[in-house]
Amino acid sequence: MNDYKKKMLSVEEFSQKANITVTYARQLLREGKIRGIKLGKEWRVDNKEVDIYLGITTDIEIVRKDMYIKELETKLKNYEMQINTFRNIVGTLGNIVGI
């Protein structure tokens, strides 16, 4: 089985994944509310379309953005720790000098 067929679900598989009836799944396909391909008498639905219908986003750009945000949050915490360390050093030096 090639990669293309692995990404495609039958109506029955789609309905199970989406927790809807097969009849409703076919209705969604007929009405164009979810995109699919009709091969003969059977519909096939791309996994991405199912994820979109379910509200699941797996876009690589979203993942990269989330990773970048985590990286920035980590840097911010490090900078806050450095600032607190410098404040403590200044306080200690102030006590030594008698300020």
PDB file of N, CA and C in Angstrom:
ATOM      1  N   MET A   1       0.851  -1.185   0.000  1.00  0.00           N
ATOM      2  CA  MET A   1       0.000   0.000   0.000  1.00  0.00           C
ATOM      3  C   MET A   1       0.890   1.240   0.000  1.00  0.00           C
ATOM      4  N   ASN A   2       0.638   2.163  -0.903  1.00  0.00           N
ATOM      5  CA  ASN A   2       1.474   3.362  -0.965  1.00  0.00           C
ATOM      6  C   ASN A   2       1.028   4.392   0.077  1.00  0.00           C
ATOM      7  N   ASP A   3       1.855   5.439   0.238  1.00  0.00           N
ATOM      8  CA  ASP A   3       1.569   6.461   1.251  1.00  0.00           C
ATOM      9  C   ASP A   3       0.246   7.162   1.011  1.00  0.00           C
ATOM     10  N   TYR A   4      -0.106   7.362  -0.262  1.00  0.00           N
ATOM     11  CA  TYR A   4      -1.344   8.060  -0.586  1.00  0.00           C
ATOM     12  C   TYR A   4      -2.546   7.323  -0.034  1.00  0.00           C
ATOM     13  N   LYS A   5      -2.579   6.001  -0.221  1.00  0.00           N
ATOM     14  CA  LYS A   5      -3.718   5.228   0.265  1.00  0.00           C
ATOM     15  C   LYS A   5      -3.747   5.176   1.789  1.00  0.00           C
ATOM     16  N   LYS A   6      -2.591   5.225   2.431  1.00  0.00           N
ATOM     17  CA  LYS A   6      -2.547   5.193   3.899  1.00  0.00           C
ATOM     18  C   LYS A   6      -3.180   6.446   4.496  1.00  0.00           C
ATOM     19  N   LYS A   7      -3.077   7.564   3.783  1.00  0.00           N
ATOM     20  CA  LYS A   7      -3.619   8.824   4.285  1.00  0.00           C
ATOM     21  C   LYS A   7      -5.116   8.936   4.065  1.00  0.00           C
ATOM     22  N   MET A   8      -5.667   8.067   3.260  1.00  0.00           N
ATOM     23  CA  MET A   8      -7.089   8.132   2.926  1.00  0.00           C
ATOM     24  C   MET A   8      -7.881   7.155   3.800  1.00  0.00           C
ATOM     25  N   LEU A   9      -9.021   7.615   4.289  1.00  0.00           N
ATOM     26  CA  LEU A   9      -9.886   6.787   5.120  1.00  0.00           C
ATOM     27  C   LEU A   9     -11.173   6.475   4.369  1.00  0.00           C
ATOM     28  N   SER A  10     -11.716   5.319   4.642  1.00  0.00           N
ATOM     29  CA  SER A  10     -13.043   5.007   4.104  1.00  0.00           C
ATOM     30  C   SER A  10     -14.076   5.793   4.912  1.00  0.00           C
ATOM     31  N   VAL A  11     -15.303   5.815   4.431  1.00  0.00           N
ATOM     32  CA  VAL A  11     -16.370   6.516   5.144  1.00  0.00           C
ATOM     33  C   VAL A  11     -16.568   5.897   6.526  1.00  0.00           C
ATOM     34  N   GLU A  12     -16.475   4.585   6.603  1.00  0.00           N
ATOM     35  CA  GLU A  12     -16.648   3.897   7.883  1.00  0.00           C
ATOM     36  C   GLU A  12     -15.545   4.299   8.866  1.00  0.00           C
ATOM     37  N   GLU A  13     -14.295   4.351   8.387  1.00  0.00           N
ATOM     38  CA  GLU A  13     -13.182   4.745   9.255  1.00  0.00           C
ATOM     39  C   GLU A  13     -13.326   6.201   9.695  1.00  0.00           C
ATOM     40  N   PHE A  14     -13.738   7.058   8.752  1.00  0.00           N
ATOM     41  CA  PHE A  14     -13.969   8.468   9.066  1.00  0.00           C
ATOM     42  C   PHE A  14     -15.049   8.613  10.120  1.00  0.00           C
ATOM     43  N   SER A  15     -16.151   7.896   9.946  1.00  0.00           N
ATOM     44  CA  SER A  15     -17.265   8.019  10.893  1.00  0.00           C
ATOM     45  C   SER A  15     -16.858   7.534  12.285  1.00  0.00           C
ATOM     46  N   GLN A  16     -16.051   6.488  12.354  1.00  0.00           N
ATOM     47  CA  GLN A  16     -15.587   6.002  13.657  1.00  0.00           C
ATOM     48  C   GLN A  16     -14.668   7.022  14.320  1.00  0.00           C
ATOM     49  N   LYS A  17     -13.742   7.570  13.538  1.00  0.00           N
ATOM     50  CA  LYS A  17     -12.797   8.545  14.085  1.00  0.00           C
ATOM     51  C   LYS A  17     -13.510   9.814  14.542  1.00  0.00           C
ATOM     52  N   ALA A  18     -14.526  10.220  13.788  1.00  0.00           N
ATOM     53  CA  ALA A  18     -15.267  11.444  14.107  1.00  0.00           C
ATOM     54  C   ALA A  18     -16.419  11.198  15.078  1.00  0.00           C
ATOM     55  N   ASN A  19     -16.675   9.938  15.394  1.00  0.00           N
ATOM     56  CA  ASN A  19     -17.758   9.564  16.306  1.00  0.00           C
ATOM     57  C   ASN A  19     -19.121  10.048  15.782  1.00  0.00           C
ATOM     58  N   ILE A  20     -19.332   9.804  14.490  1.00  0.00           N
ATOM     59  CA  ILE A  20     -20.610  10.135  13.854  1.00  0.00           C
ATOM     60  C   ILE A  20     -21.088   8.899  13.096  1.00  0.00           C
ATOM     61  N   THR A  21     -22.335   8.920  12.659  1.00  0.00           N
ATOM     62  CA  THR A  21     -22.855   7.768  11.916  1.00  0.00           C
ATOM     63  C   THR A  21     -22.309   7.785  10.495  1.00  0.00           C
ATOM     64  N   VAL A  22     -22.300   6.624   9.876  1.00  0.00           N
ATOM     65  CA  VAL A  22     -21.851   6.508   8.491  1.00  0.00           C
ATOM     66  C   VAL A  22     -22.749   7.344   7.581  1.00  0.00           C
ATOM     67  N   THR A  23     -24.044   7.325   7.854  1.00  0.00           N
ATOM     68  CA  THR A  23     -24.996   8.099   7.057  1.00  0.00           C
ATOM     69  C   THR A  23     -24.670   9.587   7.122  1.00  0.00           C
ATOM     70  N   TYR A  24     -24.404  10.087   8.322  1.00  0.00           N
ATOM     71  CA  TYR A  24     -24.071  11.503   8.473  1.00  0.00           C
ATOM     72  C   TYR A  24     -22.736  11.821   7.803  1.00  0.00           C
ATOM     73  N   ALA A  25     -21.785  10.901   7.882  1.00  0.00           N
ATOM     74  CA  ALA A  25     -20.488  11.095   7.220  1.00  0.00           C
ATOM     75  C   ALA A  25     -20.683  11.238   5.713  1.00  0.00           C
ATOM     76  N   ARG A  26     -21.501  10.379   5.131  1.00  0.00           N
ATOM     77  CA  ARG A  26     -21.778  10.467   3.692  1.00  0.00           C
ATOM     78  C   ARG A  26     -22.485  11.779   3.343  1.00  0.00           C
ATOM     79  N   GLN A  27     -23.382  12.215   4.226  1.00  0.00           N
ATOM     80  CA  GLN A  27     -24.089  13.475   4.012  1.00  0.00           C
ATOM     81  C   GLN A  27     -23.096  14.640   3.992  1.00  0.00           C
ATOM     82  N   LEU A  28     -22.162  14.649   4.935  1.00  0.00           N
ATOM     83  CA  LEU A  28     -21.147  15.699   4.969  1.00  0.00           C
ATOM     84  C   LEU A  28     -20.334  15.728   3.680  1.00  0.00           C
ATOM     85  N   LEU A  29     -20.004  14.552   3.172  1.00  0.00           N
ATOM     86  CA  LEU A  29     -19.239  14.458   1.925  1.00  0.00           C
ATOM     87  C   LEU A  29     -20.060  14.954   0.736  1.00  0.00           C
ATOM     88  N   ARG A  30     -21.307  14.525   0.660  1.00  0.00           N
ATOM     89  CA  ARG A  30     -22.178  14.947  -0.456  1.00  0.00           C
ATOM     90  C   ARG A  30     -22.377  16.454  -0.463  1.00  0.00           C
ATOM     91  N   GLU A  31     -22.552  17.030   0.744  1.00  0.00           N
ATOM     92  CA  GLU A  31     -22.804  18.465   0.859  1.00  0.00           C
ATOM     93  C   GLU A  31     -21.531  19.300   0.735  1.00  0.00           C
ATOM     94  N   GLY A  32     -20.382  18.637   0.684  1.00  0.00           N
ATOM     95  CA  GLY A  32     -19.114  19.351   0.547  1.00  0.00           C
ATOM     96  C   GLY A  32     -18.622  19.978   1.837  1.00  0.00           C
ATOM     97  N   LYS A  33     -19.205  19.595   2.965  1.00  0.00           N
ATOM     98  CA  LYS A  33     -18.768  20.139   4.250  1.00  0.00           C
ATOM     99  C   LYS A  33     -17.440  19.539   4.683  1.00  0.00           C
ATOM    100  N   ILE A  34     -17.121  18.402   4.134  1.00  0.00           N
ATOM    101  CA  ILE A  34     -15.802  17.810   4.284  1.00  0.00           C
ATOM    102  C   ILE A  34     -15.406  17.314   2.903  1.00  0.00           C
ATOM    103  N   ARG A  35     -14.156  17.564   2.540  1.00  0.00           N
ATOM    104  CA  ARG A  35     -13.714  17.190   1.199  1.00  0.00           C
ATOM    105  C   ARG A  35     -13.322  15.724   1.157  1.00  0.00           C
ATOM    106  N   GLY A  36     -13.706  15.083   0.090  1.00  0.00           N
ATOM    107  CA  GLY A  36     -13.372  13.687  -0.115  1.00  0.00           C
ATOM    108  C   GLY A  36     -13.325  13.378  -1.600  1.00  0.00           C
ATOM    109  N   ILE A  37     -12.907  12.179  -1.897  1.00  0.00           N
ATOM    110  CA  ILE A  37     -12.821  11.728  -3.281  1.00  0.00           C
ATOM    111  C   ILE A  37     -13.729  10.523  -3.427  1.00  0.00           C
ATOM    112  N   LYS A  38     -14.502  10.527  -4.485  1.00  0.00           N
ATOM    113  CA  LYS A  38     -15.381   9.394  -4.739  1.00  0.00           C
ATOM    114  C   LYS A  38     -14.698   8.482  -5.758  1.00  0.00           C
ATOM    115  N   LEU A  39     -14.398   7.274  -5.337  1.00  0.00           N
ATOM    116  CA  LEU A  39     -13.780   6.278  -6.201  1.00  0.00           C
ATOM    117  C   LEU A  39     -14.827   5.209  -6.483  1.00  0.00           C
ATOM    118  N   GLY A  40     -15.416   5.266  -7.654  1.00  0.00           N
ATOM    119  CA  GLY A  40     -16.511   4.355  -7.957  1.00  0.00           C
ATOM    120  C   GLY A  40     -17.705   4.721  -7.103  1.00  0.00           C
ATOM    121  N   LYS A  41     -18.134   3.784  -6.267  1.00  0.00           N
ATOM    122  CA  LYS A  41     -19.270   4.041  -5.376  1.00  0.00           C
ATOM    123  C   LYS A  41     -18.836   4.435  -3.971  1.00  0.00           C
ATOM    124  N   GLU A  42     -17.536   4.382  -3.705  1.00  0.00           N
ATOM    125  CA  GLU A  42     -17.042   4.624  -2.354  1.00  0.00           C
ATOM    126  C   GLU A  42     -16.338   5.962  -2.231  1.00  0.00           C
ATOM    127  N   TRP A  43     -16.531   6.576  -1.074  1.00  0.00           N
ATOM    128  CA  TRP A  43     -15.852   7.818  -0.745  1.00  0.00           C
ATOM    129  C   TRP A  43     -14.556   7.508  -0.012  1.00  0.00           C
ATOM    130  N   ARG A  44     -13.563   8.353  -0.213  1.00  0.00           N
ATOM    131  CA  ARG A  44     -12.311   8.317   0.548  1.00  0.00           C
ATOM    132  C   ARG A  44     -12.066   9.721   1.088  1.00  0.00           C
ATOM    133  N   VAL A  45     -11.614   9.774   2.323  1.00  0.00           N
ATOM    134  CA  VAL A  45     -11.388  11.049   2.996  1.00  0.00           C
ATOM    135  C   VAL A  45      -9.940  11.102   3.455  1.00  0.00           C
ATOM    136  N   ASP A  46      -9.282  12.210   3.164  1.00  0.00           N
ATOM    137  CA  ASP A  46      -7.899  12.403   3.596  1.00  0.00           C
ATOM    138  C   ASP A  46      -7.874  12.588   5.116  1.00  0.00           C
ATOM    139  N   ASN A  47      -6.860  12.027   5.757  1.00  0.00           N
ATOM    140  CA  ASN A  47      -6.702  12.163   7.210  1.00  0.00           C
ATOM    141  C   ASN A  47      -6.665  13.627   7.638  1.00  0.00           C
ATOM    142  N   LYS A  48      -6.031  14.482   6.844  1.00  0.00           N
ATOM    143  CA  LYS A  48      -5.959  15.904   7.186  1.00  0.00           C
ATOM    144  C   LYS A  48      -7.345  16.531   7.232  1.00  0.00           C
ATOM    145  N   GLU A  49      -8.199  16.117   6.297  1.00  0.00           N
ATOM    146  CA  GLU A  49      -9.569  16.637   6.277  1.00  0.00           C
ATOM    147  C   GLU A  49     -10.331  16.234   7.544  1.00  0.00           C
ATOM    148  N   VAL A  50     -10.116  15.007   7.971  1.00  0.00           N
ATOM    149  CA  VAL A  50     -10.763  14.527   9.201  1.00  0.00           C
ATOM    150  C   VAL A  50     -10.275  15.351  10.383  1.00  0.00           C
ATOM    151  N   ASP A  51      -8.958  15.584  10.445  1.00  0.00           N
ATOM    152  CA  ASP A  51      -8.400  16.377  11.534  1.00  0.00           C
ATOM    153  C   ASP A  51      -8.962  17.797  11.530  1.00  0.00           C
ATOM    154  N   ILE A  52      -9.102  18.372  10.332  1.00  0.00           N
ATOM    155  CA  ILE A  52      -9.683  19.713  10.228  1.00  0.00           C
ATOM    156  C   ILE A  52     -11.127  19.694  10.727  1.00  0.00           C
ATOM    157  N   TYR A  53     -11.891  18.693  10.328  1.00  0.00           N
ATOM    158  CA  TYR A  53     -13.283  18.569  10.765  1.00  0.00           C
ATOM    159  C   TYR A  53     -13.363  18.456  12.289  1.00  0.00           C
ATOM    160  N   LEU A  54     -12.410  17.720  12.882  1.00  0.00           N
ATOM    161  CA  LEU A  54     -12.409  17.519  14.330  1.00  0.00           C
ATOM    162  C   LEU A  54     -11.774  18.685  15.079  1.00  0.00           C
ATOM    163  N   GLY A  55     -11.223  19.637  14.332  1.00  0.00           N
ATOM    164  CA  GLY A  55     -10.594  20.789  14.976  1.00  0.00           C
ATOM    165  C   GLY A  55      -9.192  20.512  15.457  1.00  0.00           C
ATOM    166  N   ILE A  56      -8.568  19.498  14.910  1.00  0.00           N
ATOM    167  CA  ILE A  56      -7.203  19.140  15.292  1.00  0.00           C
ATOM    168  C   ILE A  56      -6.258  19.795  14.292  1.00  0.00           C
ATOM    169  N   THR A  57      -5.340  20.610  14.813  1.00  0.00           N
ATOM    170  CA  THR A  57      -4.380  21.244  13.919  1.00  0.00           C
ATOM    171  C   THR A  57      -3.019  20.598  14.120  1.00  0.00           C
ATOM    172  N   THR A  58      -2.421  20.215  13.038  1.00  0.00           N
ATOM    173  CA  THR A  58      -1.090  19.623  13.101  1.00  0.00           C
ATOM    174  C   THR A  58      -0.166  20.317  12.125  1.00  0.00           C
ATOM    175  N   ASP A  59      -0.476  21.550  11.840  1.00  0.00           N
ATOM    176  CA  ASP A  59       0.319  22.317  10.897  1.00  0.00           C
ATOM    177  C   ASP A  59       1.722  22.516  11.461  1.00  0.00           C
ATOM    178  N   ILE A  60       2.724  22.268  10.659  1.00  0.00           N
ATOM    179  CA  ILE A  60       4.114  22.370  11.097  1.00  0.00           C
ATOM    180  C   ILE A  60       4.449  23.791  11.532  1.00  0.00           C
ATOM    181  N   GLU A  61       3.827  24.788  10.908  1.00  0.00           N
ATOM    182  CA  GLU A  61       4.086  26.173  11.291  1.00  0.00           C
ATOM    183  C   GLU A  61       3.593  26.444  12.712  1.00  0.00           C
ATOM    184  N   ILE A  62       2.476  25.866  13.078  1.00  0.00           N
ATOM    185  CA  ILE A  62       1.952  26.042  14.435  1.00  0.00           C
ATOM    186  C   ILE A  62       2.891  25.391  15.443  1.00  0.00           C
ATOM    187  N   VAL A  63       3.399  24.213  15.107  1.00  0.00           N
ATOM    188  CA  VAL A  63       4.333  23.518  15.989  1.00  0.00           C
ATOM    189  C   VAL A  63       5.608  24.339  16.144  1.00  0.00           C
ATOM    190  N   ARG A  64       6.124  24.864  15.042  1.00  0.00           N
ATOM    191  CA  ARG A  64       7.338  25.691  15.107  1.00  0.00           C
ATOM    192  C   ARG A  64       7.114  26.933  15.950  1.00  0.00           C
ATOM    193  N   LYS A  65       5.947  27.558  15.782  1.00  0.00           N
ATOM    194  CA  LYS A  65       5.640  28.758  16.558  1.00  0.00           C
ATOM    195  C   LYS A  65       5.575  28.425  18.048  1.00  0.00           C
ATOM    196  N   ASP A  66       4.939  27.314  18.399  1.00  0.00           N
ATOM    197  CA  ASP A  66       4.858  26.906  19.799  1.00  0.00           C
ATOM    198  C   ASP A  66       6.245  26.629  20.373  1.00  0.00           C
ATOM    199  N   MET A  67       7.106  25.990  19.574  1.00  0.00           N
ATOM    200  CA  MET A  67       8.468  25.715  20.037  1.00  0.00           C
ATOM    201  C   MET A  67       9.244  27.013  20.239  1.00  0.00           C
ATOM    202  N   TYR A  68       9.055  27.975  19.347  1.00  0.00           N
ATOM    203  CA  TYR A  68       9.723  29.263  19.465  1.00  0.00           C
ATOM    204  C   TYR A  68       9.246  30.004  20.711  1.00  0.00           C
ATOM    205  N   ILE A  69       7.966  29.947  20.984  1.00  0.00           N
ATOM    206  CA  ILE A  69       7.418  30.592  22.184  1.00  0.00           C
ATOM    207  C   ILE A  69       8.026  29.963  23.434  1.00  0.00           C
ATOM    208  N   LYS A  70       8.130  28.635  23.455  1.00  0.00           N
ATOM    209  CA  LYS A  70       8.741  27.952  24.613  1.00  0.00           C
ATOM    210  C   LYS A  70      10.199  28.365  24.766  1.00  0.00           C
ATOM    211  N   GLU A  71      10.909  28.492  23.645  1.00  0.00           N
ATOM    212  CA  GLU A  71      12.309  28.911  23.681  1.00  0.00           C
ATOM    213  C   GLU A  71      12.428  30.314  24.267  1.00  0.00           C
ATOM    214  N   LEU A  72      11.544  31.230  23.833  1.00  0.00           N
ATOM    215  CA  LEU A  72      11.566  32.594  24.354  1.00  0.00           C
ATOM    216  C   LEU A  72      11.213  32.639  25.837  1.00  0.00           C
ATOM    217  N   GLU A  73      10.263  31.807  26.251  1.00  0.00           N
ATOM    218  CA  GLU A  73       9.905  31.754  27.671  1.00  0.00           C
ATOM    219  C   GLU A  73      11.082  31.284  28.508  1.00  0.00           C
ATOM    220  N   THR A  74      11.831  30.307  28.003  1.00  0.00           N
ATOM    221  CA  THR A  74      13.013  29.803  28.713  1.00  0.00           C
ATOM    222  C   THR A  74      14.075  30.893  28.814  1.00  0.00           C
ATOM    223  N   LYS A  75      14.300  31.618  27.712  1.00  0.00           N
ATOM    224  CA  LYS A  75      15.271  32.714  27.742  1.00  0.00           C
ATOM    225  C   LYS A  75      14.852  33.787  28.732  1.00  0.00           C
ATOM    226  N   LEU A  76      13.563  34.103  28.763  1.00  0.00           N
ATOM    227  CA  LEU A  76      13.057  35.109  29.690  1.00  0.00           C
ATOM    228  C   LEU A  76      13.318  34.694  31.141  1.00  0.00           C
ATOM    229  N   LYS A  77      13.062  33.433  31.448  1.00  0.00           N
ATOM    230  CA  LYS A  77      13.319  32.945  32.810  1.00  0.00           C
ATOM    231  C   LYS A  77      14.798  33.047  33.152  1.00  0.00           C
ATOM    232  N   ASN A  78      15.665  32.718  32.185  1.00  0.00           N
ATOM    233  CA  ASN A  78      17.108  32.828  32.421  1.00  0.00           C
ATOM    234  C   ASN A  78      17.518  34.271  32.674  1.00  0.00           C
ATOM    235  N   TYR A  79      16.972  35.213  31.883  1.00  0.00           N
ATOM    236  CA  TYR A  79      17.287  36.626  32.082  1.00  0.00           C
ATOM    237  C   TYR A  79      16.782  37.114  33.435  1.00  0.00           C
ATOM    238  N   GLU A  80      15.613  36.677  33.841  1.00  0.00           N
ATOM    239  CA  GLU A  80      15.081  37.062  35.156  1.00  0.00           C
ATOM    240  C   GLU A  80      15.977  36.542  36.270  1.00  0.00           C
ATOM    241  N   MET A  81      16.481  35.315  36.117  1.00  0.00           N
ATOM    242  CA  MET A  81      17.397  34.761  37.127  1.00  0.00           C
ATOM    243  C   MET A  81      18.698  35.560  37.168  1.00  0.00           C
ATOM    244  N   GLN A  82      19.215  35.965  36.012  1.00  0.00           N
ATOM    245  CA  GLN A  82      20.442  36.757  35.970  1.00  0.00           C
ATOM    246  C   GLN A  82      20.233  38.113  36.629  1.00  0.00           C
ATOM    247  N   ILE A  83      19.103  38.742  36.355  1.00  0.00           N
ATOM    248  CA  ILE A  83      18.807  40.044  36.966  1.00  0.00           C
ATOM    249  C   ILE A  83      18.722  39.907  38.481  1.00  0.00           C
ATOM    250  N   ASN A  84      18.052  38.864  38.953  1.00  0.00           N
ATOM    251  CA  ASN A  84      17.964  38.650  40.403  1.00  0.00           C
ATOM    252  C   ASN A  84      19.339  38.387  41.004  1.00  0.00           C
ATOM    253  N   THR A  85      20.178  37.650  40.288  1.00  0.00           N
ATOM    254  CA  THR A  85      21.542  37.395  40.768  1.00  0.00           C
ATOM    255  C   THR A  85      22.315  38.704  40.867  1.00  0.00           C
ATOM    256  N   PHE A  86      22.226  39.555  39.836  1.00  0.00           N
ATOM    257  CA  PHE A  86      22.909  40.848  39.872  1.00  0.00           C
ATOM    258  C   PHE A  86      22.385  41.726  41.000  1.00  0.00           C
ATOM    259  N   ARG A  87      21.087  41.701  41.238  1.00  0.00           N
ATOM    260  CA  ARG A  87      20.514  42.482  42.349  1.00  0.00           C
ATOM    261  C   ARG A  87      21.073  41.996  43.683  1.00  0.00           C
ATOM    262  N   ASN A  88      21.177  40.687  43.822  1.00  0.00           N
ATOM    263  CA  ASN A  88      21.735  40.137  45.058  1.00  0.00           C
ATOM    264  C   ASN A  88      23.201  40.538  45.228  1.00  0.00           C
ATOM    265  N   ILE A  89      23.964  40.524  44.136  1.00  0.00           N
ATOM    266  CA  ILE A  89      25.378  40.932  44.197  1.00  0.00           C
ATOM    267  C   ILE A  89      25.482  42.394  44.571  1.00  0.00           C
ATOM    268  N   VAL A  90      24.656  43.244  43.951  1.00  0.00           N
ATOM    269  CA  VAL A  90      24.681  44.682  44.262  1.00  0.00           C
ATOM    270  C   VAL A  90      24.296  44.890  45.720  1.00  0.00           C
ATOM    271  N   GLY A  91      23.316  44.149  46.192  1.00  0.00           N
ATOM    272  CA  GLY A  91      22.924  44.263  47.606  1.00  0.00           C
ATOM    273  C   GLY A  91      24.057  43.860  48.541  1.00  0.00           C
ATOM    274  N   THR A  92      24.719  42.757  48.202  1.00  0.00           N
ATOM    275  CA  THR A  92      25.837  42.282  49.024  1.00  0.00           C
ATOM    276  C   THR A  92      26.974  43.287  49.002  1.00  0.00           C
ATOM    277  N   LEU A  93      27.314  43.816  47.818  1.00  0.00           N
ATOM    278  CA  LEU A  93      28.379  44.825  47.723  1.00  0.00           C
ATOM    279  C   LEU A  93      28.000  46.089  48.484  1.00  0.00           C
ATOM    280  N   GLY A  94      26.725  46.440  48.426  1.00  0.00           N
ATOM    281  CA  GLY A  94      26.257  47.618  49.175  1.00  0.00           C
ATOM    282  C   GLY A  94      26.424  47.420  50.668  1.00  0.00           C
ATOM    283  N   ASN A  95      26.160  46.209  51.161  1.00  0.00           N
ATOM    284  CA  ASN A  95      26.332  45.916  52.593  1.00  0.00           C
ATOM    285  C   ASN A  95      27.815  45.954  52.965  1.00  0.00           C
ATOM    286  N   ILE A  96      28.679  45.464  52.080  1.00  0.00           N
ATOM    287  CA  ILE A  96      30.119  45.444  52.358  1.00  0.00           C
ATOM    288  C   ILE A  96      30.660  46.882  52.419  1.00  0.00           C
ATOM    289  N   VAL A  97      30.260  47.692  51.446  1.00  0.00           N
ATOM    290  CA  VAL A  97      30.747  49.056  51.373  1.00  0.00           C
ATOM    291  C   VAL A  97      30.057  49.926  52.432  1.00  0.00           C
ATOM    292  N   GLY A  98      28.871  49.558  52.822  1.00  0.00           N
ATOM    293  CA  GLY A  98      28.159  50.300  53.847  1.00  0.00           C
ATOM    294  C   GLY A  98      27.208  51.338  53.301  1.00  0.00           C
ATOM    295  N   ILE A  99      26.633  51.055  52.133  1.00  0.00           N
ATOM    296  CA  ILE A  99      25.702  52.003  51.520  1.00  0.00           C
ATOM    297  C   ILE A  99      24.360  51.887  52.179  1.00  0.00           C
TER     298      ILE A  99
END
